[in-house]
């Protein structure tokens, strides 16, 4: 039984042992399970797993060669990428060899995560561009999948970091066109489909790009869209960064100080819940620079 996955999930969702076992079992019972000393009763374990959003079956040790193991690992990498836990992302990526991945969709998922991680950790641009090229020039030559859009997004973020806004605009415009099509067409259901992690990523970074250009209205529209999706899907990974960006936009627009403080407090609460240290540091820096009423 994969107790490490159980512990990792508990920490990602912000549960302490005390809060997780409340009303279900004693902390001692939970501690023994997490340390591999004793498995609790089926009834207790089922309730603990349900509180974390998965089943007992999900804890069964999986064959590293199985497609389910691969998909679970890619999802875990993506979750850590969203909360900016880049050390863990790299550690998990190293568990995979893309040459052994047989399913094209999972290959694209891997290369997107590898490329985006390279961009966000300031690795050599060639490394990120190589990963994105595997999607755009080989696995999805017709650019029909969301992974092509994510590759465009990654390139856009890369060029922003290189301060080449003309090149960045080329790729962000592609992402904006894609999202606008989804929102205004019959395929809008995709925004709330199984690829919602990827949709949130597209929305967040496009909103961040518009904020960089001081296009606050466009940025806020994307933030609201992403917040709605977080609410529908009950996911919190992106909430700290979305609320922080919302606060930055309020500052750019010379918003009311009480409203700015409220949004920053919301962002801080979500950052603590998701253990996002990067956002916490940014919030505290902003709070120090706010005028005193």
Protein backbone atom coordinates (compact mmCIF):
# COMPACT_ATOMS: atom_id res chain seq x y z
CA UNK A 1 0.00 0.00 0.00
CA UNK A 2 1.39 3.36 -1.08
CA UNK A 3 1.39 5.29 2.21
CA UNK A 4 3.80 7.85 0.78
CA UNK A 5 1.16 8.90 -1.73
CA UNK A 6 -1.37 9.19 1.10
CA UNK A 7 0.95 11.46 3.12
CA UNK A 8 1.82 13.56 0.09
CA UNK A 9 -1.84 14.07 -0.74
CA UNK A 10 -2.64 15.03 2.86
CA UNK A 11 0.09 17.65 2.90
CA UNK A 12 -0.85 19.04 -0.51
CA UNK A 13 -4.41 19.61 0.67
CA UNK A 14 -3.16 21.30 3.84
CA UNK A 15 -4.40 18.74 6.36
CA UNK A 16 -2.48 18.09 9.56
CA UNK A 17 -2.82 14.63 11.07
CA UNK A 18 -5.11 16.10 13.72
CA UNK A 19 -7.49 17.76 11.26
CA UNK A 20 -7.59 14.81 8.86
CA UNK A 21 -8.51 12.22 11.45
CA UNK A 22 -11.05 14.42 13.26
CA UNK A 23 -14.29 12.49 13.66
CA UNK A 24 -12.81 9.38 12.04
CA UNK A 25 -10.06 7.95 14.21
CA UNK A 26 -7.33 8.86 16.68
CA UNK A 27 -4.15 10.62 15.61
CA UNK A 28 -2.22 7.61 16.86
CA UNK A 29 -4.08 5.35 14.41
CA UNK A 30 -3.32 7.69 11.53
CA UNK A 31 0.31 8.07 12.55
CA UNK A 32 0.83 4.31 12.68
CA UNK A 33 -0.65 3.95 9.20
CA UNK A 34 1.48 6.73 7.69
CA UNK A 35 4.61 5.23 9.23
CA UNK A 36 3.80 1.81 7.83
CA UNK A 37 3.31 0.23 11.24
CA UNK A 38 -0.36 -0.72 11.11
CA UNK A 39 -3.19 -0.51 8.57
CA UNK A 40 -6.47 0.69 10.14
CA UNK A 41 -9.83 -0.96 9.58
CA UNK A 42 -11.38 -0.80 6.12
CA UNK A 43 -14.11 1.56 7.37
CA UNK A 44 -11.59 4.02 8.83
CA UNK A 45 -9.27 3.90 5.84
CA UNK A 46 -12.19 4.44 3.45
CA UNK A 47 -13.26 7.57 5.32
CA UNK A 48 -9.72 8.96 5.45
CA UNK A 49 -9.25 8.39 1.73
CA UNK A 50 -12.64 9.94 0.94
CA UNK A 51 -11.66 13.06 2.86
CA UNK A 52 -8.57 13.31 0.65
CA UNK A 53 -10.59 12.77 -2.50
CA UNK A 54 -9.54 9.28 -3.56
CA UNK A 55 -10.28 5.61 -2.84
CA UNK A 56 -8.42 2.78 -1.16
CA UNK A 57 -7.76 1.32 -4.60
CA UNK A 58 -5.71 4.40 -5.40
CA UNK A 59 -3.31 3.48 -2.59
CA UNK A 60 -2.51 0.05 -3.93
CA UNK A 61 1.12 -0.04 -5.02
CA UNK A 62 1.16 0.30 -8.77
CA UNK A 63 3.37 -1.20 -11.44
CA UNK A 64 5.66 1.61 -12.69
CA UNK A 65 5.11 0.33 -16.22
CA UNK A 66 1.32 0.68 -16.04
CA UNK A 67 -0.56 3.51 -17.73
CA UNK A 68 -2.39 4.34 -14.51
CA UNK A 69 0.89 4.76 -12.64
CA UNK A 70 2.15 7.02 -15.42
CA UNK A 71 -0.98 9.19 -15.44
CA UNK A 72 -1.02 9.49 -11.66
CA UNK A 73 2.62 10.52 -11.66
CA UNK A 74 2.10 13.11 -14.40
CA UNK A 75 -0.88 14.52 -12.48
CA UNK A 76 1.23 14.72 -9.33
CA UNK A 77 3.96 16.57 -11.23
CA UNK A 78 1.37 19.00 -12.58
CA UNK A 79 -0.06 19.64 -9.12
CA UNK A 80 3.40 20.45 -7.78
CA UNK A 81 4.06 22.72 -10.75
CA UNK A 82 0.88 24.67 -9.95
CA UNK A 83 1.97 25.29 -6.37
CA UNK A 84 5.50 26.19 -7.49
CA UNK A 85 7.15 23.26 -5.75
CA UNK A 86 9.81 23.06 -8.43
CA UNK A 87 12.22 20.86 -6.51
CA UNK A 88 9.58 18.18 -6.21
CA UNK A 89 8.66 18.60 -9.89
CA UNK A 90 12.24 17.88 -10.94
CA UNK A 91 12.48 14.94 -8.58
CA UNK A 92 9.33 13.38 -10.03
CA UNK A 93 10.28 14.10 -13.65
CA UNK A 94 13.48 12.14 -13.09
CA UNK A 95 11.39 9.06 -12.31
CA UNK A 96 10.21 8.99 -15.93
CA UNK A 97 11.98 8.19 -19.18
CA UNK A 98 10.05 9.72 -22.10
CA UNK A 99 11.47 7.08 -24.43
CA UNK A 100 9.50 4.41 -22.56
CA UNK A 101 6.16 6.27 -22.74
CA UNK A 102 4.13 4.65 -25.51
CA UNK A 103 0.92 6.71 -25.50
CA UNK A 104 1.24 9.95 -27.54
CA UNK A 105 -1.04 11.94 -25.23
CA UNK A 106 1.03 11.02 -22.19
CA UNK A 107 4.21 11.78 -24.13
CA UNK A 108 2.88 15.27 -24.84
CA UNK A 109 1.88 15.68 -21.19
CA UNK A 110 5.41 14.77 -20.13
CA UNK A 111 7.12 17.13 -22.58
CA UNK A 112 4.82 20.01 -21.63
CA UNK A 113 5.65 19.53 -17.94
CA UNK A 114 9.36 19.15 -18.66
CA UNK A 115 9.40 22.27 -20.84
CA UNK A 116 7.33 24.42 -18.49
CA UNK A 117 9.48 23.35 -15.54
CA UNK A 118 12.58 24.37 -17.50
CA UNK A 119 11.07 27.80 -18.24
CA UNK A 120 9.95 28.47 -14.68
CA UNK A 121 13.27 27.41 -13.15
CA UNK A 122 15.29 29.50 -15.62
CA UNK A 123 17.10 26.62 -17.27
CA UNK A 124 18.75 27.15 -20.64
CA UNK A 125 16.10 28.24 -23.17
CA UNK A 126 17.23 25.48 -25.53
CA UNK A 127 16.10 22.85 -23.02
CA UNK A 128 12.57 24.22 -22.84
CA UNK A 129 12.35 24.78 -26.59
CA UNK A 130 13.46 21.20 -27.23
CA UNK A 131 10.64 19.88 -25.03
CA UNK A 132 8.02 22.07 -26.69
CA UNK A 133 9.32 21.09 -30.14
CA UNK A 134 8.57 17.44 -29.38
CA UNK A 135 4.91 18.45 -29.17
CA UNK A 136 4.66 21.05 -31.91
CA UNK A 137 6.92 19.43 -34.50
CA UNK A 138 6.38 15.73 -33.89
CA UNK A 139 3.59 14.53 -31.61
CA UNK A 140 0.96 17.12 -32.59
CA UNK A 141 2.05 18.48 -35.95
CA UNK A 142 -1.50 19.64 -36.73
CA UNK A 143 -1.65 21.48 -33.39
CA UNK A 144 -5.04 20.00 -32.52
CA UNK A 145 -4.52 19.25 -28.82
CA UNK A 146 -4.38 21.38 -25.71
CA UNK A 147 -0.72 20.44 -25.38
CA UNK A 148 0.14 22.52 -28.43
CA UNK A 149 -1.53 25.47 -26.71
CA UNK A 150 0.47 24.76 -23.57
CA UNK A 151 3.65 24.62 -25.64
CA UNK A 152 2.75 28.02 -27.14
CA UNK A 153 2.10 29.28 -23.63
CA UNK A 154 5.45 27.99 -22.41
CA UNK A 155 7.19 29.76 -25.28
CA UNK A 156 5.32 32.95 -24.45
CA UNK A 157 6.42 32.82 -20.81
CA UNK A 158 9.98 32.06 -21.92
CA UNK A 159 10.13 35.12 -24.16
CA UNK A 160 8.62 37.34 -21.46
CA UNK A 161 11.44 36.23 -19.18
CA UNK A 162 13.92 37.05 -21.94
CA UNK A 163 12.22 40.48 -22.24
CA UNK A 164 11.36 39.82 -25.87
CA UNK A 165 7.74 40.99 -25.73
CA UNK A 166 7.28 40.94 -29.49
CA UNK A 167 7.99 37.21 -29.66
CA UNK A 168 5.97 36.65 -26.49
CA UNK A 169 2.96 38.41 -28.01
CA UNK A 170 3.01 36.05 -31.00
CA UNK A 171 2.54 33.00 -28.78
CA UNK A 172 0.19 34.55 -26.22
CA UNK A 173 -2.07 35.68 -29.08
CA UNK A 174 -2.39 32.04 -30.15
CA UNK A 175 -3.41 31.05 -26.62
CA UNK A 176 -5.91 33.92 -26.40
CA UNK A 177 -7.48 32.88 -29.71
CA UNK A 178 -7.82 29.30 -28.48
CA UNK A 179 -9.46 30.31 -25.19
CA UNK A 180 -11.78 32.79 -26.88
CA UNK A 181 -12.91 30.06 -29.25
CA UNK A 182 -13.68 27.74 -26.36
CA UNK A 183 -15.62 30.36 -24.46
CA UNK A 184 -17.71 31.46 -27.43
CA UNK A 185 -18.33 28.11 -29.10
CA UNK A 186 -20.24 24.92 -28.43
CA UNK A 187 -17.03 23.37 -27.13
CA UNK A 188 -17.03 25.63 -24.07
CA UNK A 189 -17.76 22.52 -21.98
CA UNK A 190 -14.10 21.66 -22.41
CA UNK A 191 -13.30 24.43 -19.95
CA UNK A 192 -14.89 22.28 -17.25
CA UNK A 193 -13.85 18.92 -18.65
CA UNK A 194 -11.16 16.57 -17.47
CA UNK A 195 -8.42 18.91 -18.74
CA UNK A 196 -9.26 21.66 -16.27
CA UNK A 197 -5.72 21.75 -14.84
CA UNK A 198 -4.45 22.68 -18.28
CA UNK A 199 -7.24 25.23 -18.78
CA UNK A 200 -6.36 26.88 -15.47
CA UNK A 201 -2.73 27.07 -16.52
CA UNK A 202 -3.63 28.77 -19.80
CA UNK A 203 -5.95 31.24 -18.05
CA UNK A 204 -3.51 32.12 -15.28
CA UNK A 205 -0.46 32.81 -17.42
CA UNK A 206 -2.47 34.71 -20.02
CA UNK A 207 -3.94 36.83 -17.19
CA UNK A 208 -0.42 37.40 -15.85
CA UNK A 209 0.73 38.48 -19.32
CA UNK A 210 -2.11 41.00 -19.66
CA UNK A 211 -1.28 42.33 -16.19
CA UNK A 212 2.35 42.79 -17.24
CA UNK A 213 1.10 44.92 -20.14
CA UNK A 214 -1.15 46.79 -17.66
CA UNK A 215 -4.22 45.51 -19.50
CA UNK A 216 -6.05 45.11 -16.22
CA UNK A 217 -9.56 44.57 -17.60
CA UNK A 218 -8.52 41.63 -19.79
CA UNK A 219 -6.44 40.19 -16.96
CA UNK A 220 -9.30 40.41 -14.48
CA UNK A 221 -11.71 38.72 -16.88
CA UNK A 222 -9.38 35.74 -17.13
CA UNK A 223 -8.87 35.68 -13.36
CA UNK A 224 -12.63 35.56 -12.78
CA UNK A 225 -12.99 32.78 -15.34
CA UNK A 226 -10.25 30.79 -13.62
CA UNK A 227 -11.71 31.40 -10.15
CA UNK A 228 -15.08 30.13 -11.38
CA UNK A 229 -13.42 26.99 -12.73
CA UNK A 230 -11.61 26.45 -9.42
CA UNK A 231 -14.96 26.66 -7.66
CA UNK A 232 -16.69 24.24 -10.02
CA UNK A 233 -13.88 21.69 -9.77
CA UNK A 234 -13.10 22.30 -6.08
CA UNK A 235 -9.38 22.74 -6.75
CA UNK A 236 -7.21 25.14 -4.78
CA UNK A 237 -3.77 24.77 -6.33
CA UNK A 238 -3.97 27.93 -8.43
CA UNK A 239 -6.00 30.01 -5.98
CA UNK A 240 -3.02 31.61 -4.17
CA UNK A 241 -1.51 32.86 -7.43
CA UNK A 242 -4.86 33.96 -8.87
CA UNK A 243 -5.75 35.98 -5.78
CA UNK A 244 -2.25 37.48 -5.63
CA UNK A 245 -2.53 38.53 -9.27
CA UNK A 246 -5.98 39.96 -8.54
CA UNK A 247 -4.46 42.06 -5.74
CA UNK A 248 -1.65 43.27 -8.01
CA UNK A 249 -4.23 44.34 -10.58
CA UNK A 250 -6.11 46.27 -7.90
CA UNK A 251 -2.89 48.07 -7.03
CA UNK A 252 -2.26 48.84 -10.71
CA UNK A 253 -5.80 50.22 -11.01
CA UNK A 254 -5.41 52.27 -7.80
CA UNK A 255 -8.12 50.26 -6.08
CA UNK A 256 -9.43 50.86 -2.58
CA UNK A 257 -6.93 49.89 0.14
CA UNK A 258 -9.41 47.79 2.18
CA UNK A 259 -10.26 45.74 -0.90
CA UNK A 260 -6.57 45.21 -1.70
CA UNK A 261 -5.92 44.03 1.85
CA UNK A 262 -8.89 41.66 1.74
CA UNK A 263 -7.73 40.05 -1.50
CA UNK A 264 -4.16 39.74 -0.18
CA UNK A 265 -5.45 38.09 2.99
CA UNK A 266 -7.42 35.62 0.86
CA UNK A 267 -4.30 34.91 -1.19
CA UNK A 268 -2.25 34.36 1.95
CA UNK A 269 -4.82 31.95 3.39
CA UNK A 270 -4.84 29.88 0.20
CA UNK A 271 -1.04 30.01 -0.01
CA UNK A 272 -0.76 28.60 3.50
CA UNK A 273 -3.33 25.92 2.71
CA UNK A 274 -1.36 24.83 -0.36
CA UNK A 275 2.06 25.38 1.24
CA UNK A 276 3.04 27.79 -1.51
CA UNK A 277 6.05 29.53 -0.01
CA UNK A 278 6.71 31.67 -3.08
CA UNK A 279 3.31 33.33 -2.94
CA UNK A 280 3.56 33.83 0.82
CA UNK A 281 6.85 35.71 0.42
CA UNK A 282 5.41 37.91 -2.35
CA UNK A 283 2.32 38.72 -0.31
CA UNK A 284 4.30 39.74 2.75
CA UNK A 285 6.47 42.02 0.61
CA UNK A 286 3.38 43.68 -0.88
CA UNK A 287 1.74 44.07 2.53
CA UNK A 288 4.81 45.87 3.89
CA UNK A 289 4.63 48.40 1.07
CA UNK A 290 0.93 49.18 1.46
CA UNK A 291 0.15 52.61 2.94
CA UNK A 292 -1.04 52.71 6.54
CA UNK A 293 -4.64 53.87 6.92
